[in-house]
Protein backbone atom coordinates (compact mmCIF):
# COMPACT_ATOMS: atom_id res chain seq x y z
CA MET A 1 104.64 121.46 118.87
CA LYS A 2 102.97 124.19 120.82
CA HIS A 3 99.45 122.89 121.29
CA ILE A 4 99.98 119.13 121.66
CA VAL A 5 97.94 117.98 124.66
CA THR A 6 99.05 115.85 127.57
CA ARG A 7 96.85 113.07 128.85
CA ARG A 8 96.54 112.76 132.60
CA ALA A 9 96.55 108.94 132.59
CA THR A 10 99.81 108.76 130.58
CA SER A 11 103.23 109.94 131.58
CA TRP A 12 104.57 113.03 129.88
CA LEU A 13 107.56 111.15 128.45
CA VAL A 14 105.39 108.52 126.79
CA VAL A 15 103.14 111.13 125.25
CA ALA A 16 106.10 113.19 124.08
CA SER A 17 107.60 110.13 122.43
CA LEU A 18 104.34 109.33 120.69
CA VAL A 19 103.89 112.90 119.52
CA PHE A 20 107.37 113.33 118.13
CA GLY A 21 107.27 109.85 116.63
CA LEU A 22 104.12 110.72 114.72
CA PHE A 23 105.20 114.26 113.89
CA GLY A 24 105.80 113.66 110.20
CA ILE A 25 102.50 111.83 109.68
CA TRP A 26 100.50 114.37 111.70
CA ALA A 27 102.06 117.32 109.89
CA THR A 28 101.07 115.82 106.52
CA ASP A 29 97.53 115.01 107.69
CA THR A 30 97.13 118.50 109.14
CA ARG A 31 98.14 120.16 105.89
CA GLU A 32 95.62 118.04 104.00
CA ALA A 33 92.88 118.64 106.56
CA PHE A 34 93.33 122.40 106.47
CA ALA A 35 94.02 122.79 102.77
CA ASP A 36 90.38 123.65 102.07
CA ASN A 37 90.15 126.03 105.00
CA THR A 38 92.73 128.61 103.93
CA GLU A 39 90.12 131.16 102.96
CA ILE A 40 88.04 130.82 106.13
CA ASP A 41 91.20 130.86 108.27
CA GLN A 42 92.15 134.15 106.66
CA LEU A 43 88.67 135.55 107.21
CA LEU A 44 88.75 134.47 110.85
CA ALA A 45 92.15 136.11 111.32
CA GLU A 46 90.85 139.36 109.83
CA THR A 47 87.72 139.17 111.95
CA GLN A 48 89.83 138.57 115.05
CA GLU A 49 91.87 141.69 114.36
CA GLN A 50 88.67 143.67 113.95
CA MET A 51 87.21 142.28 117.18
CA GLU A 52 90.29 143.21 119.21
CA ALA A 53 90.37 146.68 117.66
CA THR A 54 86.67 147.34 118.27
CA SER A 55 86.90 146.03 121.82
CA LYS A 56 89.80 148.39 122.53
CA ALA A 57 87.97 151.32 120.90
CA TYR A 58 84.85 150.61 122.93
CA ASP A 59 86.77 150.41 126.22
CA GLU A 60 88.68 153.61 125.48
CA ALA A 61 85.53 155.52 124.53
CA GLN A 62 83.73 154.26 127.62
CA ALA A 63 86.61 155.29 129.87
CA LYS A 64 86.74 158.79 128.34
CA ALA A 65 82.97 159.18 128.61
CA GLU A 66 83.10 158.17 132.28
CA ALA A 67 85.95 160.62 132.97
CA LEU A 68 84.03 163.40 131.24
CA GLN A 69 80.92 162.56 133.20
CA ALA A 70 82.91 162.87 136.42
CA LYS A 71 84.13 166.29 135.21
CA ILE A 72 80.55 167.30 134.45
CA GLU A 73 79.46 166.34 137.94
CA GLU A 74 82.41 168.25 139.44
CA ASN A 75 81.60 171.37 137.40
CA THR A 76 77.92 171.12 138.24
CA LEU A 77 78.69 171.11 141.96
CA LYS A 78 81.12 174.00 141.52
CA ILE A 79 78.52 176.06 139.65
CA GLN A 80 75.97 175.32 142.34
CA ALA A 81 78.38 176.48 145.07
CA LEU A 82 79.29 179.66 143.18
CA GLU A 83 75.67 180.54 142.48
CA GLU A 84 74.82 180.05 146.14
CA ALA A 85 77.75 182.24 147.27
CA LEU A 86 77.30 184.94 144.64
CA PRO A 87 74.37 186.87 146.27
CA GLU A 88 76.29 187.21 149.53
CA GLN A 89 79.38 188.48 147.71
CA GLU A 90 77.28 190.91 145.69
CA ALA A 91 75.85 192.25 148.97
CA LYS A 92 79.33 192.61 150.49
CA SER A 93 80.59 194.42 147.42
CA ALA A 94 77.59 196.76 147.40
CA THR A 95 78.03 197.55 151.11
CA ALA A 96 81.71 198.33 150.59
CA MET A 97 80.92 200.62 147.66
CA VAL A 98 78.27 202.46 149.67
CA SER A 99 80.69 202.96 152.55
CA LEU A 100 83.32 204.39 150.24
CA TYR A 101 80.79 206.68 148.61
CA LYS A 102 79.61 208.00 151.95
CA MET A 103 83.18 208.73 153.00
CA GLN A 104 83.77 210.71 149.84
CA GLN A 105 80.53 212.64 150.31
CA GLU A 106 81.43 213.49 153.88
CA GLY A 107 84.57 215.28 152.72
CA PHE A 108 87.33 212.88 153.64
CA SER A 109 89.80 214.71 151.44
CA LEU A 110 93.52 214.92 152.05
CA ILE A 111 93.34 218.67 152.97
CA ASN A 112 90.48 218.13 155.41
CA THR A 113 92.34 215.25 156.97
CA ILE A 114 95.42 217.42 157.54
CA LEU A 115 93.42 220.31 158.93
CA ASN A 116 91.39 218.12 161.24
CA SER A 117 94.32 216.14 162.58
CA ALA A 118 95.66 217.22 165.98
CA SER A 119 99.03 215.65 165.32
CA LEU A 120 101.09 213.86 162.69
CA THR A 121 100.35 210.56 164.35
CA GLU A 122 96.60 211.14 164.16
CA PHE A 123 96.98 212.16 160.52
CA LEU A 124 98.87 208.96 159.66
CA ASP A 125 96.37 206.81 161.55
CA THR A 126 93.51 208.45 159.64
CA ILE A 127 95.24 207.91 156.30
CA GLU A 128 95.90 204.26 157.17
CA TYR A 129 92.24 203.81 158.15
CA LEU A 130 91.01 205.37 154.91
CA ASN A 131 93.41 203.21 152.87
CA ALA A 132 92.18 200.08 154.67
CA ILE A 133 88.55 200.94 153.91
CA ASN A 134 89.44 201.68 150.30
CA GLN A 135 91.39 198.42 149.94
CA THR A 136 88.55 196.43 151.52
CA THR A 137 86.16 197.92 149.00
CA ILE A 138 88.48 197.08 146.14
CA ASN A 139 89.00 193.52 147.44
CA GLU A 140 85.27 192.86 147.74
CA VAL A 141 84.62 194.18 144.26
CA LEU A 142 87.53 192.16 142.83
CA ARG A 143 86.30 189.05 144.65
CA LEU A 144 82.87 189.52 143.11
CA LYS A 145 84.43 189.96 139.67
CA THR A 146 86.56 186.83 140.13
CA MET A 147 83.56 184.76 141.23
CA LYS A 148 81.52 185.87 138.22
CA GLU A 149 84.37 185.06 135.85
CA GLU A 150 84.87 181.68 137.50
CA LEU A 151 81.16 180.96 137.23
CA GLN A 152 81.15 181.88 133.56
CA ASN A 153 84.27 179.80 132.82
CA THR A 154 82.90 176.82 134.73
CA LYS A 155 79.62 176.97 132.80
CA LYS A 156 81.59 177.10 129.57
CA SER A 157 83.71 174.14 130.69
CA LEU A 158 80.56 172.26 131.63
CA GLN A 159 79.08 172.82 128.20
CA GLU A 160 82.29 171.70 126.50
CA SER A 161 82.48 168.61 128.72
CA LYS A 162 78.89 167.72 127.89
CA MET A 163 79.55 168.03 124.18
CA ALA A 164 82.73 165.94 124.46
CA ALA A 165 80.93 163.35 126.59
CA ASP A 166 78.14 163.12 124.03
CA ALA A 167 80.73 162.62 121.29
CA GLU A 168 82.55 159.90 123.26
CA THR A 169 79.28 158.20 124.12
CA LEU A 170 78.36 158.17 120.44
CA ARG A 171 81.82 156.84 119.60
CA ALA A 172 81.42 154.11 122.22
CA GLU A 173 78.01 153.18 120.82
CA GLU A 174 79.43 152.97 117.30
CA ALA A 175 82.39 150.91 118.51
CA LEU A 176 79.99 148.62 120.37
CA LYS A 177 77.91 148.10 117.23
CA GLU A 178 81.06 147.27 115.27
CA ALA A 179 82.18 144.87 118.00
CA GLN A 180 78.78 143.18 118.10
CA ALA A 181 78.64 142.88 114.32
CA ALA A 182 82.15 141.42 114.18
CA ARG A 183 81.38 138.87 116.89
CA GLU A 184 78.05 137.88 115.35
CA GLU A 185 79.73 137.39 111.98
CA ALA A 186 82.53 135.33 113.55
CA GLN A 187 79.99 133.21 115.39
CA ARG A 188 78.01 132.65 112.20
CA ARG A 189 81.11 131.62 110.29
CA ALA A 190 82.34 129.34 113.06
CA GLN A 191 78.93 127.69 113.42
CA GLU A 192 78.60 127.14 109.67
CA GLU A 193 82.11 125.73 109.44
CA ALA A 194 81.57 123.41 112.43
CA GLU A 195 78.34 122.13 110.88
CA ARG A 196 80.06 121.66 107.51
CA GLN A 197 82.88 119.66 109.10
CA ALA A 198 80.46 117.46 111.06
CA ALA A 199 78.38 116.82 107.94
CA ALA A 200 81.49 116.01 105.90
CA LEU A 201 82.69 113.57 108.53
CA GLN A 202 79.27 111.94 108.70
CA ALA A 203 79.23 111.54 104.91
CA GLU A 204 82.73 110.06 104.98
CA LEU A 205 81.81 107.54 107.69
CA GLU A 206 78.70 106.52 105.77
CA ARG A 207 80.75 106.12 102.59
CA GLN A 208 83.29 103.94 104.36
CA LYS A 209 80.54 101.86 105.91
CA ALA A 210 78.89 101.34 102.55
CA GLU A 211 82.20 100.24 101.03
CA GLU A 212 82.77 97.79 103.87
CA GLU A 213 79.30 96.34 103.42
CA ARG A 214 79.82 95.96 99.66
CA ALA A 215 83.18 94.30 100.24
CA ALA A 216 81.66 91.93 102.82
CA ALA A 217 78.77 91.09 100.51
CA ALA A 218 81.16 90.40 97.65
CA ALA A 219 83.10 88.07 99.91
CA GLY A 220 79.91 86.23 100.84
CA ASN A 221 80.08 87.38 104.42
CA SER A 222 77.21 89.86 104.61
CA SER A 223 76.27 88.68 108.10
CA ASN A 224 79.52 90.17 109.42
CA SER A 225 79.43 93.38 107.40
CA GLY A 226 78.56 95.49 110.44
CA SER A 227 81.80 94.50 112.17
CA SER A 228 84.35 94.25 109.43
CA GLY A 229 87.13 95.46 111.69
CA SER A 230 87.62 98.86 110.10
CA SER A 231 88.65 101.49 112.58
CA ASN A 232 85.77 103.69 111.38
CA SER A 233 82.98 101.11 111.68
CA GLY A 234 80.66 101.84 114.58
CA ALA A 235 82.48 105.08 115.34
CA THR A 236 80.46 107.76 117.09
CA THR A 237 80.00 110.69 114.76
CA PRO A 238 80.95 113.93 116.49
CA GLN A 239 77.97 116.24 116.71
CA ALA A 240 78.02 119.80 115.45
CA PRO A 241 78.19 122.27 118.34
CA SER A 242 75.30 124.57 119.18
CA THR A 243 75.68 128.26 119.95
CA GLY A 244 74.72 127.52 123.56
CA GLY A 245 72.86 130.79 123.96
CA VAL A 246 75.94 132.91 123.28
CA ASP A 247 74.44 136.25 122.24
CA TRP A 248 76.87 138.77 120.77
CA SER A 249 74.14 141.33 120.08
CA VAL A 250 74.06 142.49 123.71
CA ASP A 251 76.38 145.12 125.17
CA LYS A 252 79.62 144.15 126.87
CA ALA A 253 78.35 144.61 130.44
CA THR A 254 75.34 142.35 129.83
CA PHE A 255 77.49 139.73 128.08
CA VAL A 256 80.11 139.68 130.83
CA ASN A 257 77.57 139.60 133.68
CA THR A 258 75.61 136.77 132.05
CA TRP A 259 78.59 134.54 131.41
CA THR A 260 80.33 135.37 134.68
CA LYS A 261 77.47 133.72 136.54
CA ARG A 262 77.29 130.69 134.26
CA ILE A 263 81.03 130.05 134.26
CA ASP A 264 81.33 130.61 138.03
CA ALA A 265 78.62 127.99 138.55
CA TYR A 266 80.52 125.58 136.29
CA LEU A 267 83.88 126.17 138.04
CA ALA A 268 82.50 126.09 141.59
CA GLY A 269 84.71 124.02 143.90
CA SER A 270 87.63 123.90 141.44
CA PRO A 271 91.01 125.68 141.69
CA MET A 272 89.67 128.21 139.15
CA ALA A 273 86.53 128.99 141.14
CA GLY A 274 85.60 132.66 140.96
CA GLN A 275 87.33 133.26 137.62
CA GLY A 276 84.07 133.52 135.69
CA ARG A 277 84.49 137.24 135.04
CA THR A 278 88.05 136.75 133.79
CA PHE A 279 86.84 134.14 131.30
CA ALA A 280 83.82 136.23 130.28
CA GLU A 281 85.78 139.45 129.73
CA ALA A 282 88.48 137.61 127.76
CA ALA A 283 85.78 135.92 125.66
CA TRP A 284 84.26 139.30 124.81
CA ASN A 285 87.60 140.98 124.13
CA TYR A 286 88.77 138.27 121.74
CA GLY A 287 85.42 137.12 120.34
CA VAL A 288 85.66 133.56 121.66
CA ASP A 289 82.79 131.31 122.71
CA PRO A 290 82.83 131.90 126.52
CA ARG A 291 82.33 128.17 127.15
CA PHE A 292 85.30 127.05 125.09
CA SER A 293 88.29 127.69 127.37
CA PRO A 294 86.57 126.60 130.63
CA ALA A 295 85.47 123.36 128.96
CA ILE A 296 88.98 122.61 127.67
CA SER A 297 90.30 123.11 131.19
CA ASN A 298 88.10 120.22 132.31
CA THR A 299 89.18 117.97 129.43
CA GLU A 300 92.86 118.67 130.10
CA SER A 301 93.21 119.12 133.85
CA THR A 302 89.81 118.65 135.54
CA LYS A 303 89.34 122.42 135.82
CA GLY A 304 92.87 123.13 136.97
CA ARG A 305 93.23 120.31 139.52
CA TYR A 306 95.98 118.48 137.64
CA CYS A 307 98.12 121.06 135.84
CA PHE A 308 101.42 119.80 134.44
CA LEU A 309 102.79 123.36 134.72
CA PRO A 310 101.76 126.24 137.02
CA HIS A 311 98.37 127.68 136.02
CA ASN A 312 98.42 125.73 132.75
CA ALA A 313 95.03 124.04 132.89
CA TRP A 314 94.77 123.44 129.14
CA GLY A 315 97.82 121.34 128.18
CA TRP A 316 98.91 124.47 126.32
CA GLY A 317 102.42 123.96 124.97
CA SER A 318 105.12 124.10 127.62
CA VAL A 319 104.31 127.44 129.23
CA SER A 320 103.37 128.45 132.75
CA TRP A 321 101.85 131.62 134.16
CA GLY A 322 101.96 133.50 137.42
CA SER A 323 98.20 133.77 137.90
CA TRP A 324 94.91 132.44 136.60
CA GLU A 325 94.06 135.86 135.19
CA GLU A 326 97.21 135.93 133.09
CA ALA A 327 96.77 132.32 132.01
CA ILE A 328 93.10 132.66 131.07
CA ASN A 329 93.68 135.73 128.92
CA ALA A 330 96.61 134.10 127.15
CA HIS A 331 94.67 130.90 126.45
CA VAL A 332 91.51 132.62 125.24
CA ARG A 333 93.52 134.86 122.94
CA GLY A 334 95.34 131.79 121.64
CA LEU A 335 92.03 130.09 120.90
CA ALA A 336 90.93 133.18 118.97
CA ASN A 337 94.09 133.34 116.90
CA GLY A 338 94.59 129.63 116.28
CA TYR A 339 91.16 128.03 116.37
CA GLY A 340 88.64 130.63 115.25
CA GLY A 341 87.28 131.10 118.76
CA ALA A 342 84.90 128.13 118.66
CA ILE A 343 85.12 124.35 118.86
CA SER A 344 85.28 122.46 115.58
CA ILE A 345 86.44 119.10 114.30
CA ALA A 346 89.35 120.68 112.46
CA GLY A 347 90.28 122.53 115.63
CA ALA A 348 90.18 119.32 117.67
CA LYS A 349 92.50 117.62 115.17
CA LYS A 350 94.87 120.54 115.53
CA TYR A 351 94.67 120.78 119.34
CA CYS A 352 94.87 117.05 120.07
CA PRO A 353 95.90 115.07 116.96
CA PRO A 354 96.46 111.66 118.63
CA ASN A 355 93.00 111.48 120.21
CA TRP A 356 91.02 114.26 118.57
CA GLU A 357 87.60 112.56 118.58
CA HIS A 358 87.61 111.89 122.32
CA TRP A 359 88.91 115.41 122.94
CA TYR A 360 86.20 116.93 120.75
CA ASN A 361 83.34 114.94 122.30
CA SER A 362 84.52 115.51 125.86
CA THR A 363 85.03 119.24 125.39
CA LEU A 364 81.74 119.73 123.56
CA ASN A 365 79.92 117.79 126.28
CA GLU A 366 81.43 120.12 128.91
CA MET A 367 80.54 123.21 126.88
CA ASN A 368 76.93 122.09 126.85
CA LYS A 369 76.97 122.03 130.67
CA ILE A 370 77.92 125.68 131.01
């Protein structure tokens, strides 16, 4: 049973025996407890898919927009350099053209060169000189042409990059809005369901208490009605969780920065100290209350101090991980897929059937500290 929880004060063998011994009863109770939640479980699963998709779309669009912005900056600098160098090249090209023109006007023809040459060697030297001047002129003009073409192409590339960056920025903004809407809707559903479960449990406890009092009165023992021995009499009613200031309407950077600080403060001095950003980013990516996983780590292992398997701070099945980053992401995603991303009574019964009420109260109390 993947998510059965170990208790630190009890040996693993004893707990395993208890769990497997009660497997049939727990499985029946779980089916009954979740029979009415099929529809909301399906909605949560669909919402979770949407949240993961929108988070991926947002990250991809942001990355493309950043890459395009870097290209824009590169092109801008290139244009600036070309525009600064262009006047000098235009001057060089003009000078070369003037020199060639003057040579032509002064009669540097092939016949004149032959007639004016004292020897074949002088003739060849003169021809080589004239060819060099002519080639220099051509090179300067070609260099000017190349620079102008490069400037034009770079400006065109800059314009295209700006248009693409604007499109990716718009796509990122739309993806962010979808992600925010999906997370706000999931939070609303989870909060409503948690409140409904707490209210239903309260009503059930009150009904049982009333029945006990009527039975005691009928037996002529009304003075002892408040302690009839029922396991539910005097039980502490689990409170409905609050949102704890989790605001899904902000952008990802704001969300992550806010909860990184709060979770780091909560984990200070523990083996998971400094993992606030990992928890916060995973919470955003999977749409999970950012307090949920850190709080469970305290309930199960005192924030990672007493892990029964490497980096498994949550009594999570029988798996281990190679790093806190890997473990945190796996656990938060598991909470999203299996528990709706928020604490609830039904979730506590599923996560820790043998002692769900203590687990729920302890975890909720820790969540309220973050």
